[in-house]
N, C-alpha and C. Protein backbone atom coordinates (compact mmCIF):
# COMPACT_ATOMS: atom_id res chain seq x y z
N MET A 1 16.40 16.94 7.80
CA MET A 1 15.14 16.23 7.55
C MET A 1 15.42 14.88 6.89
N LEU A 2 14.76 13.83 7.36
CA LEU A 2 14.95 12.49 6.83
C LEU A 2 14.44 12.38 5.39
N LYS A 3 15.19 11.69 4.56
CA LYS A 3 14.75 11.44 3.19
C LYS A 3 13.54 10.51 3.22
N GLU A 4 12.57 10.79 2.36
CA GLU A 4 11.34 9.99 2.32
C GLU A 4 11.19 9.28 0.98
N TYR A 5 10.75 8.03 1.06
CA TYR A 5 10.54 7.20 -0.12
C TYR A 5 9.15 6.57 -0.03
N VAL A 6 8.66 6.13 -1.17
CA VAL A 6 7.45 5.32 -1.18
C VAL A 6 7.63 4.18 -2.18
N ILE A 7 7.36 2.97 -1.72
CA ILE A 7 7.31 1.80 -2.59
C ILE A 7 5.84 1.52 -2.89
N ILE A 8 5.48 1.60 -4.15
CA ILE A 8 4.11 1.30 -4.56
C ILE A 8 4.10 -0.08 -5.21
N THR A 9 3.39 -0.99 -4.57
CA THR A 9 3.34 -2.37 -5.07
C THR A 9 2.11 -2.52 -5.97
N ALA A 10 2.34 -3.04 -7.15
CA ALA A 10 1.27 -3.16 -8.15
C ALA A 10 1.30 -4.56 -8.74
N GLY A 11 0.99 -5.54 -7.92
CA GLY A 11 1.10 -6.91 -8.38
C GLY A 11 -0.19 -7.55 -8.82
N GLY A 12 -1.32 -6.87 -8.66
CA GLY A 12 -2.61 -7.48 -8.99
C GLY A 12 -2.80 -7.68 -10.48
N ILE A 13 -3.57 -8.73 -10.84
CA ILE A 13 -3.83 -8.99 -12.26
C ILE A 13 -5.31 -8.84 -12.61
N GLY A 14 -6.13 -8.44 -11.65
CA GLY A 14 -7.50 -8.06 -11.96
C GLY A 14 -8.47 -9.20 -12.17
N LYS A 15 -8.21 -10.40 -11.62
CA LYS A 15 -9.12 -11.53 -11.83
C LYS A 15 -10.53 -11.22 -11.33
N ARG A 16 -10.62 -10.63 -10.13
CA ARG A 16 -11.94 -10.34 -9.57
C ARG A 16 -12.58 -9.13 -10.25
N MET A 17 -11.79 -8.38 -11.02
CA MET A 17 -12.34 -7.24 -11.75
C MET A 17 -12.99 -7.68 -13.05
N VAL A 18 -12.86 -8.97 -13.39
CA VAL A 18 -13.39 -9.51 -14.66
C VAL A 18 -12.88 -8.65 -15.81
N SER A 19 -11.56 -8.49 -15.86
CA SER A 19 -10.94 -7.63 -16.86
C SER A 19 -9.60 -8.20 -17.27
N ASP A 20 -9.25 -7.99 -18.54
CA ASP A 20 -7.93 -8.39 -19.02
C ASP A 20 -6.87 -7.37 -18.61
N ILE A 21 -7.30 -6.21 -18.16
CA ILE A 21 -6.39 -5.15 -17.76
C ILE A 21 -6.14 -5.27 -16.26
N PRO A 22 -4.88 -5.31 -15.81
CA PRO A 22 -4.60 -5.32 -14.37
C PRO A 22 -5.29 -4.14 -13.70
N LYS A 23 -5.82 -4.37 -12.49
CA LYS A 23 -6.66 -3.35 -11.84
C LYS A 23 -5.94 -2.03 -11.65
N GLN A 24 -4.61 -2.07 -11.43
CA GLN A 24 -3.89 -0.82 -11.20
C GLN A 24 -3.81 0.07 -12.44
N PHE A 25 -4.10 -0.52 -13.62
CA PHE A 25 -4.05 0.25 -14.86
C PHE A 25 -5.44 0.55 -15.42
N MET A 26 -6.48 0.13 -14.72
CA MET A 26 -7.84 0.41 -15.19
C MET A 26 -8.17 1.89 -15.01
N ASP A 27 -9.07 2.38 -15.85
CA ASP A 27 -9.45 3.79 -15.81
C ASP A 27 -10.35 4.09 -14.61
N LEU A 28 -9.99 5.13 -13.89
CA LEU A 28 -10.80 5.62 -12.78
C LEU A 28 -10.99 7.12 -12.97
N ASN A 29 -12.16 7.49 -13.46
CA ASN A 29 -12.47 8.90 -13.71
C ASN A 29 -11.41 9.60 -14.57
N GLY A 30 -11.01 8.90 -15.65
CA GLY A 30 -10.12 9.53 -16.62
C GLY A 30 -8.64 9.30 -16.42
N LEU A 31 -8.25 8.67 -15.29
CA LEU A 31 -6.84 8.37 -15.05
C LEU A 31 -6.70 6.92 -14.59
N PRO A 32 -5.58 6.27 -14.92
CA PRO A 32 -5.35 4.93 -14.39
C PRO A 32 -5.29 4.95 -12.87
N VAL A 33 -5.75 3.88 -12.25
CA VAL A 33 -5.78 3.80 -10.79
C VAL A 33 -4.42 4.14 -10.19
N ILE A 34 -3.34 3.56 -10.74
CA ILE A 34 -2.01 3.77 -10.17
C ILE A 34 -1.59 5.23 -10.24
N LEU A 35 -2.07 5.96 -11.23
CA LEU A 35 -1.69 7.37 -11.34
C LEU A 35 -2.36 8.20 -10.25
N HIS A 36 -3.60 7.87 -9.89
CA HIS A 36 -4.23 8.52 -8.73
C HIS A 36 -3.37 8.31 -7.49
N THR A 37 -2.87 7.07 -7.32
CA THR A 37 -2.07 6.73 -6.15
C THR A 37 -0.77 7.53 -6.15
N ILE A 38 -0.09 7.57 -7.27
CA ILE A 38 1.16 8.31 -7.38
C ILE A 38 0.93 9.79 -7.10
N LYS A 39 -0.12 10.35 -7.65
CA LYS A 39 -0.41 11.77 -7.47
C LYS A 39 -0.65 12.12 -6.00
N ALA A 40 -1.26 11.20 -5.24
CA ALA A 40 -1.49 11.47 -3.82
C ALA A 40 -0.17 11.69 -3.09
N PHE A 41 0.82 10.86 -3.37
CA PHE A 41 2.12 11.01 -2.71
C PHE A 41 2.88 12.21 -3.25
N ALA A 42 2.74 12.48 -4.54
CA ALA A 42 3.39 13.67 -5.12
C ALA A 42 2.79 14.94 -4.54
N ASP A 43 1.49 14.93 -4.26
CA ASP A 43 0.85 16.09 -3.63
C ASP A 43 1.32 16.25 -2.19
N TYR A 44 1.63 15.14 -1.55
CA TYR A 44 2.15 15.20 -0.17
C TYR A 44 3.51 15.88 -0.13
N SER A 45 4.40 15.51 -1.07
CA SER A 45 5.74 16.08 -1.07
C SER A 45 6.35 16.02 -2.47
N SER A 46 6.93 17.11 -2.88
CA SER A 46 7.62 17.14 -4.18
C SER A 46 9.00 16.50 -4.08
N ASN A 47 9.44 16.18 -2.86
CA ASN A 47 10.77 15.62 -2.66
C ASN A 47 10.76 14.11 -2.42
N ILE A 48 9.59 13.50 -2.37
CA ILE A 48 9.53 12.07 -2.11
C ILE A 48 9.99 11.31 -3.36
N SER A 49 10.70 10.19 -3.15
CA SER A 49 11.20 9.37 -4.25
C SER A 49 10.37 8.10 -4.35
N PHE A 50 10.01 7.70 -5.57
CA PHE A 50 9.13 6.57 -5.81
C PHE A 50 9.91 5.34 -6.28
N VAL A 51 9.53 4.20 -5.76
CA VAL A 51 9.94 2.91 -6.31
C VAL A 51 8.65 2.19 -6.70
N LEU A 52 8.46 1.95 -7.97
CA LEU A 52 7.24 1.34 -8.49
C LEU A 52 7.54 -0.11 -8.83
N VAL A 53 6.93 -1.02 -8.08
CA VAL A 53 7.19 -2.46 -8.26
C VAL A 53 6.05 -3.04 -9.10
N LEU A 54 6.37 -3.42 -10.34
CA LEU A 54 5.37 -3.84 -11.31
C LEU A 54 5.64 -5.26 -11.78
N PRO A 55 4.58 -6.01 -12.13
CA PRO A 55 4.78 -7.31 -12.75
C PRO A 55 5.53 -7.16 -14.08
N GLN A 56 6.39 -8.11 -14.38
CA GLN A 56 7.19 -8.02 -15.60
C GLN A 56 6.31 -7.90 -16.84
N ASP A 57 5.17 -8.59 -16.84
CA ASP A 57 4.32 -8.57 -18.04
C ASP A 57 3.39 -7.36 -18.09
N SER A 58 3.59 -6.40 -17.18
CA SER A 58 2.77 -5.19 -17.19
C SER A 58 3.54 -3.97 -17.68
N MET A 59 4.74 -4.17 -18.17
CA MET A 59 5.57 -3.04 -18.57
C MET A 59 4.96 -2.26 -19.74
N ASP A 60 4.27 -2.94 -20.65
CA ASP A 60 3.61 -2.23 -21.75
C ASP A 60 2.48 -1.35 -21.21
N ASP A 61 1.73 -1.87 -20.23
CA ASP A 61 0.68 -1.06 -19.60
C ASP A 61 1.29 0.16 -18.92
N TRP A 62 2.43 -0.05 -18.25
CA TRP A 62 3.07 1.05 -17.55
C TRP A 62 3.54 2.12 -18.53
N ALA A 63 4.00 1.73 -19.70
CA ALA A 63 4.51 2.70 -20.68
C ALA A 63 3.45 3.74 -21.04
N THR A 64 2.19 3.33 -21.09
CA THR A 64 1.12 4.27 -21.42
C THR A 64 0.84 5.22 -20.25
N VAL A 65 1.06 4.73 -19.03
CA VAL A 65 0.86 5.58 -17.85
C VAL A 65 2.02 6.55 -17.69
N GLU A 66 3.22 6.07 -17.97
CA GLU A 66 4.44 6.86 -17.78
C GLU A 66 4.39 8.18 -18.53
N GLU A 67 3.73 8.18 -19.68
CA GLU A 67 3.64 9.39 -20.48
C GLU A 67 2.83 10.48 -19.79
N LYS A 68 1.99 10.09 -18.83
CA LYS A 68 1.12 11.05 -18.15
C LYS A 68 1.69 11.54 -16.82
N LEU A 69 2.86 11.04 -16.42
CA LEU A 69 3.44 11.43 -15.14
C LEU A 69 3.95 12.86 -15.18
N PRO A 70 3.75 13.61 -14.10
CA PRO A 70 4.38 14.93 -14.01
C PRO A 70 5.89 14.82 -14.12
N GLN A 71 6.54 15.80 -14.75
CA GLN A 71 7.97 15.73 -15.04
C GLN A 71 8.84 15.77 -13.79
N ASN A 72 8.32 16.31 -12.69
CA ASN A 72 9.15 16.50 -11.50
C ASN A 72 9.18 15.29 -10.58
N ILE A 73 8.53 14.18 -10.95
CA ILE A 73 8.50 13.00 -10.09
C ILE A 73 9.75 12.16 -10.31
N ALA A 74 10.47 11.87 -9.21
CA ALA A 74 11.65 11.01 -9.26
C ALA A 74 11.21 9.57 -8.96
N TYR A 75 11.47 8.67 -9.91
CA TYR A 75 10.99 7.30 -9.70
C TYR A 75 11.91 6.28 -10.35
N ILE A 76 11.83 5.06 -9.81
CA ILE A 76 12.51 3.89 -10.34
C ILE A 76 11.45 2.82 -10.54
N VAL A 77 11.51 2.11 -11.65
CA VAL A 77 10.61 0.99 -11.90
C VAL A 77 11.37 -0.31 -11.64
N CYS A 78 10.75 -1.18 -10.86
CA CYS A 78 11.39 -2.43 -10.46
C CYS A 78 10.45 -3.60 -10.74
N PRO A 79 10.91 -4.67 -11.38
CA PRO A 79 10.05 -5.84 -11.59
C PRO A 79 9.77 -6.54 -10.27
N GLY A 80 8.53 -6.99 -10.10
CA GLY A 80 8.14 -7.63 -8.88
C GLY A 80 8.57 -9.08 -8.79
N GLY A 81 8.23 -9.72 -7.67
CA GLY A 81 8.58 -11.11 -7.44
C GLY A 81 7.36 -12.00 -7.48
N GLU A 82 7.52 -13.23 -7.03
CA GLU A 82 6.44 -14.21 -7.05
C GLU A 82 5.34 -13.85 -6.05
N THR A 83 5.72 -13.26 -4.93
CA THR A 83 4.76 -12.90 -3.88
C THR A 83 4.92 -11.42 -3.55
N ARG A 84 3.97 -10.88 -2.79
CA ARG A 84 4.09 -9.49 -2.35
C ARG A 84 5.34 -9.32 -1.51
N PHE A 85 5.64 -10.30 -0.65
CA PHE A 85 6.84 -10.26 0.17
C PHE A 85 8.08 -10.08 -0.71
N ASP A 86 8.18 -10.89 -1.76
CA ASP A 86 9.32 -10.80 -2.67
C ASP A 86 9.37 -9.45 -3.37
N SER A 87 8.19 -8.94 -3.75
CA SER A 87 8.13 -7.66 -4.46
C SER A 87 8.59 -6.51 -3.58
N VAL A 88 8.13 -6.49 -2.33
CA VAL A 88 8.55 -5.42 -1.41
C VAL A 88 10.05 -5.52 -1.14
N LYS A 89 10.54 -6.73 -0.97
CA LYS A 89 11.98 -6.93 -0.74
C LYS A 89 12.79 -6.39 -1.91
N LYS A 90 12.34 -6.65 -3.13
CA LYS A 90 13.03 -6.13 -4.31
C LYS A 90 12.97 -4.60 -4.34
N GLY A 91 11.82 -4.05 -3.98
CA GLY A 91 11.70 -2.60 -3.93
C GLY A 91 12.64 -1.97 -2.92
N LEU A 92 12.74 -2.58 -1.74
CA LEU A 92 13.64 -2.07 -0.70
C LEU A 92 15.09 -2.10 -1.15
N ALA A 93 15.44 -3.12 -1.93
CA ALA A 93 16.82 -3.24 -2.41
C ALA A 93 17.21 -2.11 -3.36
N MET A 94 16.21 -1.41 -3.91
CA MET A 94 16.48 -0.31 -4.83
C MET A 94 16.80 1.00 -4.10
N ILE A 95 16.67 1.00 -2.77
CA ILE A 95 16.85 2.22 -1.98
C ILE A 95 18.15 2.14 -1.20
N ASP A 96 18.99 3.14 -1.34
CA ASP A 96 20.24 3.23 -0.59
C ASP A 96 20.14 4.33 0.46
N GLY A 97 20.90 4.19 1.52
CA GLY A 97 20.96 5.24 2.52
C GLY A 97 19.90 5.10 3.60
N ASP A 98 19.76 6.16 4.38
CA ASP A 98 18.81 6.19 5.49
C ASP A 98 17.56 6.96 5.10
N GLY A 99 16.56 6.88 5.98
CA GLY A 99 15.34 7.64 5.75
C GLY A 99 14.12 6.88 6.20
N MET A 100 12.97 7.32 5.70
CA MET A 100 11.68 6.70 6.01
C MET A 100 11.06 6.23 4.71
N VAL A 101 10.41 5.07 4.75
CA VAL A 101 9.80 4.53 3.54
C VAL A 101 8.35 4.14 3.81
N ALA A 102 7.48 4.58 2.93
CA ALA A 102 6.08 4.15 2.95
C ALA A 102 5.94 2.99 1.96
N ILE A 103 5.17 1.99 2.33
CA ILE A 103 4.86 0.87 1.43
C ILE A 103 3.36 0.88 1.24
N HIS A 104 2.94 1.02 -0.03
CA HIS A 104 1.52 1.27 -0.29
C HIS A 104 1.04 0.46 -1.49
N ASP A 105 -0.20 -0.01 -1.40
CA ASP A 105 -0.83 -0.75 -2.48
C ASP A 105 -1.25 0.21 -3.59
N ALA A 106 -0.86 -0.10 -4.82
CA ALA A 106 -1.27 0.73 -5.95
C ALA A 106 -2.78 0.81 -6.06
N ALA A 107 -3.47 -0.24 -5.63
CA ALA A 107 -4.93 -0.32 -5.75
C ALA A 107 -5.67 0.42 -4.64
N ARG A 108 -4.96 1.25 -3.87
CA ARG A 108 -5.59 2.15 -2.88
C ARG A 108 -5.35 3.59 -3.34
N PRO A 109 -6.13 4.07 -4.30
CA PRO A 109 -5.85 5.38 -4.91
C PRO A 109 -6.47 6.58 -4.21
N LEU A 110 -7.26 6.36 -3.15
CA LEU A 110 -8.05 7.46 -2.60
C LEU A 110 -7.52 8.01 -1.28
N LEU A 111 -6.30 7.61 -0.90
CA LEU A 111 -5.77 8.10 0.37
C LEU A 111 -5.53 9.61 0.30
N SER A 112 -5.60 10.25 1.45
CA SER A 112 -5.44 11.70 1.50
C SER A 112 -4.01 12.08 1.83
N VAL A 113 -3.66 13.32 1.52
CA VAL A 113 -2.36 13.86 1.89
C VAL A 113 -2.19 13.87 3.39
N SER A 114 -3.27 14.16 4.12
CA SER A 114 -3.17 14.22 5.58
C SER A 114 -2.86 12.84 6.17
N LEU A 115 -3.41 11.78 5.60
CA LEU A 115 -3.10 10.44 6.10
C LEU A 115 -1.62 10.11 5.84
N ILE A 116 -1.13 10.41 4.65
CA ILE A 116 0.28 10.18 4.35
C ILE A 116 1.16 10.94 5.33
N SER A 117 0.83 12.20 5.56
CA SER A 117 1.60 13.04 6.47
C SER A 117 1.59 12.48 7.89
N ASP A 118 0.41 12.06 8.36
CA ASP A 118 0.31 11.52 9.72
C ASP A 118 1.13 10.24 9.87
N CYS A 119 1.13 9.41 8.83
CA CYS A 119 1.89 8.15 8.88
C CYS A 119 3.39 8.42 8.95
N PHE A 120 3.88 9.34 8.12
CA PHE A 120 5.31 9.66 8.15
C PHE A 120 5.71 10.30 9.47
N LEU A 121 4.84 11.15 10.01
CA LEU A 121 5.14 11.83 11.27
C LEU A 121 5.26 10.84 12.42
N LEU A 122 4.29 9.93 12.53
CA LEU A 122 4.33 8.94 13.62
C LEU A 122 5.52 8.00 13.45
N ALA A 123 5.79 7.59 12.22
CA ALA A 123 6.91 6.68 11.98
C ALA A 123 8.25 7.35 12.32
N ALA A 124 8.37 8.63 12.04
CA ALA A 124 9.59 9.36 12.38
C ALA A 124 9.79 9.41 13.89
N GLN A 125 8.68 9.42 14.63
CA GLN A 125 8.75 9.50 16.09
C GLN A 125 8.98 8.12 16.73
N LYS A 126 8.35 7.08 16.16
CA LYS A 126 8.32 5.78 16.83
C LYS A 126 8.86 4.61 16.01
N GLY A 127 9.29 4.87 14.78
CA GLY A 127 9.90 3.81 13.98
C GLY A 127 9.00 3.18 12.95
N ASN A 128 7.69 3.24 13.17
CA ASN A 128 6.74 2.72 12.18
C ASN A 128 5.36 3.29 12.45
N ALA A 129 4.49 3.19 11.45
CA ALA A 129 3.12 3.69 11.58
C ALA A 129 2.22 2.89 10.65
N ILE A 130 1.14 2.34 11.23
CA ILE A 130 0.24 1.47 10.48
C ILE A 130 -1.19 2.01 10.61
N PRO A 131 -1.82 2.44 9.51
CA PRO A 131 -3.19 2.95 9.60
C PRO A 131 -4.21 1.82 9.69
N VAL A 132 -5.20 2.01 10.54
CA VAL A 132 -6.26 1.01 10.73
C VAL A 132 -7.60 1.72 10.86
N ILE A 133 -8.68 0.98 10.59
CA ILE A 133 -10.02 1.51 10.81
C ILE A 133 -10.84 0.51 11.61
N THR A 134 -11.87 1.01 12.28
CA THR A 134 -12.75 0.15 13.07
C THR A 134 -13.72 -0.59 12.17
N LEU A 135 -14.30 -1.65 12.70
CA LEU A 135 -15.30 -2.43 11.97
C LEU A 135 -16.69 -1.92 12.31
N GLN A 136 -17.58 -1.95 11.34
CA GLN A 136 -18.95 -1.50 11.55
C GLN A 136 -19.92 -2.67 11.71
N ASP A 137 -19.61 -3.81 11.13
CA ASP A 137 -20.52 -4.95 11.15
C ASP A 137 -20.21 -5.88 12.32
N SER A 138 -21.22 -6.64 12.73
CA SER A 138 -21.00 -7.70 13.71
C SER A 138 -20.19 -8.81 13.07
N MET A 139 -19.45 -9.54 13.90
CA MET A 139 -18.59 -10.58 13.37
C MET A 139 -18.77 -11.88 14.16
N ARG A 140 -18.53 -13.00 13.47
CA ARG A 140 -18.55 -14.30 14.12
C ARG A 140 -17.34 -15.10 13.65
N GLU A 141 -16.79 -15.88 14.57
CA GLU A 141 -15.66 -16.76 14.26
C GLU A 141 -16.18 -18.17 14.03
N ILE A 142 -15.79 -18.77 12.91
CA ILE A 142 -16.24 -20.10 12.55
C ILE A 142 -15.23 -21.14 13.04
N SER A 143 -15.74 -22.20 13.65
CA SER A 143 -14.91 -23.33 14.09
C SER A 143 -15.67 -24.61 13.80
N GLY A 144 -15.32 -25.26 12.67
CA GLY A 144 -16.06 -26.45 12.27
C GLY A 144 -17.49 -26.10 11.94
N ASP A 145 -18.44 -26.78 12.59
CA ASP A 145 -19.85 -26.49 12.38
C ASP A 145 -20.39 -25.45 13.36
N GLU A 146 -19.53 -24.95 14.21
CA GLU A 146 -19.95 -24.00 15.23
C GLU A 146 -19.45 -22.60 14.90
N SER A 147 -20.07 -21.61 15.53
CA SER A 147 -19.59 -20.23 15.41
C SER A 147 -19.83 -19.51 16.72
N ARG A 148 -19.08 -18.44 16.91
CA ARG A 148 -19.26 -17.65 18.14
C ARG A 148 -19.04 -16.18 17.80
N PRO A 149 -19.69 -15.29 18.53
CA PRO A 149 -19.51 -13.86 18.26
C PRO A 149 -18.11 -13.40 18.65
N VAL A 150 -17.63 -12.40 17.94
CA VAL A 150 -16.33 -11.80 18.22
C VAL A 150 -16.53 -10.34 18.58
N ASP A 151 -15.83 -9.87 19.59
CA ASP A 151 -15.93 -8.48 20.00
C ASP A 151 -15.25 -7.59 18.96
N ARG A 152 -16.03 -6.93 18.14
CA ARG A 152 -15.45 -6.12 17.06
C ARG A 152 -14.68 -4.92 17.58
N ASP A 153 -14.95 -4.49 18.81
CA ASP A 153 -14.23 -3.34 19.37
C ASP A 153 -12.75 -3.65 19.58
N LYS A 154 -12.42 -4.94 19.60
CA LYS A 154 -11.02 -5.34 19.78
C LYS A 154 -10.31 -5.61 18.45
N LEU A 155 -11.01 -5.42 17.35
CA LEU A 155 -10.45 -5.72 16.03
C LEU A 155 -10.32 -4.45 15.19
N ARG A 156 -9.38 -4.46 14.28
CA ARG A 156 -9.17 -3.35 13.36
C ARG A 156 -8.86 -3.89 11.96
N LEU A 157 -9.31 -3.18 10.94
CA LEU A 157 -8.93 -3.48 9.56
C LEU A 157 -7.67 -2.69 9.22
N VAL A 158 -6.71 -3.36 8.66
CA VAL A 158 -5.40 -2.76 8.41
C VAL A 158 -5.33 -2.21 6.99
N GLN A 159 -4.75 -1.03 6.84
CA GLN A 159 -4.61 -0.38 5.54
C GLN A 159 -3.13 -0.13 5.22
N THR A 160 -2.89 0.44 4.09
CA THR A 160 -1.60 1.05 3.77
C THR A 160 -1.89 2.52 3.45
N PRO A 161 -0.90 3.43 3.52
CA PRO A 161 0.53 3.18 3.57
C PRO A 161 1.01 2.78 4.96
N GLN A 162 1.91 1.81 5.00
CA GLN A 162 2.60 1.45 6.22
C GLN A 162 4.01 2.03 6.11
N VAL A 163 4.36 2.85 7.08
CA VAL A 163 5.60 3.62 7.00
C VAL A 163 6.59 3.12 8.06
N PHE A 164 7.86 3.00 7.65
CA PHE A 164 8.89 2.44 8.52
C PHE A 164 10.19 3.22 8.39
N GLU A 165 10.98 3.17 9.47
CA GLU A 165 12.37 3.58 9.38
C GLU A 165 13.05 2.60 8.45
N LEU A 166 13.80 3.11 7.49
CA LEU A 166 14.30 2.29 6.39
C LEU A 166 15.19 1.14 6.86
N GLY A 167 16.10 1.42 7.78
CA GLY A 167 16.99 0.37 8.26
C GLY A 167 16.24 -0.76 8.93
N LEU A 168 15.20 -0.42 9.70
CA LEU A 168 14.40 -1.44 10.39
C LEU A 168 13.72 -2.38 9.41
N ILE A 169 13.01 -1.82 8.43
CA ILE A 169 12.21 -2.67 7.55
C ILE A 169 13.11 -3.45 6.59
N LYS A 170 14.26 -2.90 6.22
CA LYS A 170 15.19 -3.66 5.39
C LYS A 170 15.70 -4.90 6.13
N LYS A 171 16.05 -4.73 7.40
CA LYS A 171 16.52 -5.87 8.19
C LYS A 171 15.40 -6.88 8.39
N ALA A 172 14.19 -6.38 8.61
CA ALA A 172 13.05 -7.27 8.81
C ALA A 172 12.81 -8.14 7.59
N TYR A 173 13.01 -7.57 6.41
CA TYR A 173 12.78 -8.31 5.17
C TYR A 173 13.93 -9.26 4.81
N GLU A 174 14.95 -9.33 5.65
CA GLU A 174 15.98 -10.35 5.48
C GLU A 174 15.53 -11.70 6.04
N GLN A 175 14.41 -11.70 6.78
CA GLN A 175 13.87 -12.95 7.30
C GLN A 175 13.35 -13.83 6.16
N ALA A 176 13.32 -15.12 6.42
CA ALA A 176 12.68 -16.04 5.47
C ALA A 176 11.17 -15.81 5.49
N PHE A 177 10.54 -15.98 4.34
CA PHE A 177 9.10 -15.76 4.24
C PHE A 177 8.32 -16.74 5.12
N ARG A 178 7.26 -16.25 5.73
CA ARG A 178 6.33 -17.09 6.48
C ARG A 178 4.91 -16.80 5.96
N THR A 179 4.05 -17.80 6.03
CA THR A 179 2.67 -17.59 5.58
C THR A 179 1.94 -16.58 6.45
N SER A 180 2.43 -16.34 7.65
CA SER A 180 1.81 -15.36 8.54
C SER A 180 2.12 -13.92 8.14
N PHE A 181 3.02 -13.73 7.16
CA PHE A 181 3.35 -12.38 6.70
C PHE A 181 2.29 -11.90 5.72
N THR A 182 1.24 -11.28 6.24
CA THR A 182 0.14 -10.82 5.40
C THR A 182 0.30 -9.36 4.98
N ASP A 183 1.21 -8.65 5.64
CA ASP A 183 1.51 -7.26 5.28
C ASP A 183 2.88 -6.92 5.84
N ASP A 184 3.29 -5.68 5.69
CA ASP A 184 4.62 -5.26 6.13
C ASP A 184 4.70 -5.18 7.65
N ALA A 185 3.59 -4.86 8.29
CA ALA A 185 3.58 -4.80 9.75
C ALA A 185 3.88 -6.16 10.37
N THR A 186 3.34 -7.23 9.79
CA THR A 186 3.60 -8.56 10.35
C THR A 186 5.06 -8.96 10.16
N VAL A 187 5.67 -8.49 9.07
CA VAL A 187 7.10 -8.75 8.85
C VAL A 187 7.92 -8.03 9.91
N ALA A 188 7.63 -6.75 10.13
CA ALA A 188 8.37 -5.96 11.12
C ALA A 188 8.15 -6.51 12.53
N GLU A 189 6.93 -6.92 12.83
CA GLU A 189 6.61 -7.44 14.16
C GLU A 189 7.36 -8.73 14.44
N ALA A 190 7.47 -9.60 13.44
CA ALA A 190 8.21 -10.85 13.61
C ALA A 190 9.69 -10.60 13.86
N PHE A 191 10.17 -9.45 13.40
CA PHE A 191 11.57 -9.07 13.61
C PHE A 191 11.78 -8.47 15.00
N GLY A 192 10.67 -8.18 15.69
CA GLY A 192 10.76 -7.67 17.06
C GLY A 192 10.28 -6.25 17.24
N ALA A 193 9.78 -5.62 16.19
CA ALA A 193 9.32 -4.24 16.28
C ALA A 193 7.96 -4.16 16.95
N LYS A 194 7.77 -3.14 17.79
CA LYS A 194 6.45 -2.84 18.33
C LYS A 194 5.69 -2.04 17.29
N ILE A 195 4.48 -2.48 16.97
CA ILE A 195 3.70 -1.84 15.91
C ILE A 195 2.87 -0.70 16.48
N ASN A 196 2.94 0.43 15.79
CA ASN A 196 2.22 1.63 16.22
C ASN A 196 1.07 1.93 15.26
N LEU A 197 -0.14 1.97 15.81
CA LEU A 197 -1.34 2.18 15.00
C LEU A 197 -1.78 3.64 15.03
N LEU A 198 -2.44 4.04 13.96
CA LEU A 198 -3.11 5.34 13.91
C LEU A 198 -4.37 5.20 13.08
N ASP A 199 -5.24 6.18 13.19
CA ASP A 199 -6.51 6.12 12.47
C ASP A 199 -6.29 6.21 10.96
N GLY A 200 -6.85 5.24 10.23
CA GLY A 200 -6.84 5.30 8.78
C GLY A 200 -8.05 6.05 8.27
N GLU A 201 -8.44 5.78 7.04
CA GLU A 201 -9.56 6.48 6.42
C GLU A 201 -10.50 5.48 5.77
N LYS A 202 -11.79 5.69 6.00
CA LYS A 202 -12.79 4.80 5.41
C LYS A 202 -12.71 4.80 3.89
N LYS A 203 -12.41 5.94 3.29
CA LYS A 203 -12.38 6.02 1.82
C LYS A 203 -11.11 5.41 1.23
N ASN A 204 -10.16 5.04 2.07
CA ASN A 204 -8.89 4.47 1.60
C ASN A 204 -9.09 2.99 1.29
N ILE A 205 -10.03 2.72 0.39
CA ILE A 205 -10.38 1.35 0.06
C ILE A 205 -9.37 0.74 -0.90
N LYS A 206 -9.31 -0.59 -0.90
CA LYS A 206 -8.49 -1.31 -1.87
C LYS A 206 -9.39 -1.83 -2.98
N ILE A 207 -9.12 -1.43 -4.19
CA ILE A 207 -9.97 -1.82 -5.32
C ILE A 207 -9.63 -3.24 -5.75
N THR A 208 -10.59 -4.15 -5.54
CA THR A 208 -10.38 -5.55 -5.92
C THR A 208 -11.55 -6.11 -6.74
N SER A 209 -12.63 -5.36 -6.86
CA SER A 209 -13.83 -5.86 -7.55
C SER A 209 -14.50 -4.71 -8.30
N PRO A 210 -15.38 -5.03 -9.24
CA PRO A 210 -16.12 -3.96 -9.94
C PRO A 210 -16.91 -3.07 -8.98
N GLU A 211 -17.42 -3.65 -7.90
CA GLU A 211 -18.16 -2.86 -6.92
C GLU A 211 -17.25 -1.81 -6.26
N ASP A 212 -16.01 -2.21 -6.00
CA ASP A 212 -15.05 -1.27 -5.41
C ASP A 212 -14.79 -0.09 -6.34
N MET A 213 -14.75 -0.36 -7.64
CA MET A 213 -14.53 0.71 -8.60
C MET A 213 -15.69 1.70 -8.58
N LEU A 214 -16.90 1.22 -8.44
CA LEU A 214 -18.06 2.10 -8.34
C LEU A 214 -17.99 2.95 -7.09
N ILE A 215 -17.56 2.36 -5.98
CA ILE A 215 -17.43 3.10 -4.73
C ILE A 215 -16.37 4.17 -4.88
N ALA A 216 -15.23 3.82 -5.51
CA ALA A 216 -14.15 4.78 -5.70
C ALA A 216 -14.62 5.96 -6.54
N LYS A 217 -15.38 5.68 -7.60
CA LYS A 217 -15.89 6.76 -8.46
C LYS A 217 -16.84 7.66 -7.68
N ALA A 218 -17.62 7.07 -6.78
CA ALA A 218 -18.54 7.87 -5.98
C ALA A 218 -17.77 8.79 -5.02
N TYR A 219 -16.70 8.26 -4.40
CA TYR A 219 -15.88 9.10 -3.53
C TYR A 219 -15.25 10.25 -4.31
N LEU A 220 -14.76 9.97 -5.51
CA LEU A 220 -14.11 11.02 -6.31
C LEU A 220 -15.11 12.07 -6.78
N ALA A 221 -16.37 11.69 -6.87
CA ALA A 221 -17.40 12.63 -7.31
C ALA A 221 -17.82 13.59 -6.21
N GLU A 222 -17.44 13.28 -4.97
CA GLU A 222 -17.83 14.15 -3.86
C GLU A 222 -17.18 15.52 -3.95
């Protein structure tokens, strides 16, 4: 069986949350957001290894979370870089050997075990797996003072965890950064990988605003 890893990126500073506390360390129903995220992967597998990529100035915040971690979790803490690209690259450098790696936003704490499992399964079969969801609203593309409708059936919203064969994504991250690298899938695709999509989850939201926190609390109350 292939060794499995997860890199959890926690680079947000909570500006849109109107808070001095980085969003990944804010309280969500009694636990920090990042701990919900970690627990989801720990529930998926007791053998998965964690690489937690944190801003250097968030280490004091992490120390308070670390005390609440289950004892059986294997993890490494790694300081992040200037950009998400740099942070993921640093996280990948902490992993030796072969296997599969999930890359996930700390601010997406509501993912299910079944989604994690489906992503690892597809990636093991095809080299990568990227969860996406359909759009519900109508969309328009703006061009100067004009706009035109866009066929939403041809568009998808991209989520994490994005799971890759470790050797593939490590080589992909040896590329120089481009502004078109908005997630790990775009990095892998630029390296020549065919991207494989699967259904994500509507509740797998990314917490970026106070409204998102209210939505997350409502999902947890279900």
